[in-house]
Amino acid sequence: MAIQHQAGICWIKEDQWQRFLEVTDDADMLENDWHDWVRKTEEMIETFSAKGIDVVKVPVDVEELIAWCNEKERTVNSSSRAEYVTKLMTGQPVAGDTHH
């Protein structure tokens, strides 16, 4: 049996997409249209799945991401999003988190 790996992906809701593009440093690397981003991201998830990597869509609130990045003195980019998603997946407290 193949070893199954898991990874998380920052999943932005459609109504937050424009705000997300305004604040992320790598907006030029992302699709302007949320539907185009979803289509491309779904294709990437399928590619990883075929290689035995389970990609989990981790819902991210853009304002909470911004607050976390500000707290950590980080810019919003692919690296900080990956770290934030990892913290959400592992249940580690994040900025403004009242559940922990």
Foldseek 3Di string as FASTA:
>chain_A
DDDAAEAEDEAEDQVCLVVLLVFEPVVVVADPHPVVRVVVVVVVQVVVVVVRYHYHYDYDDSVQLVQQCVVVVHGHYPVSRRVVSVCVVVVHDGPPDPPD
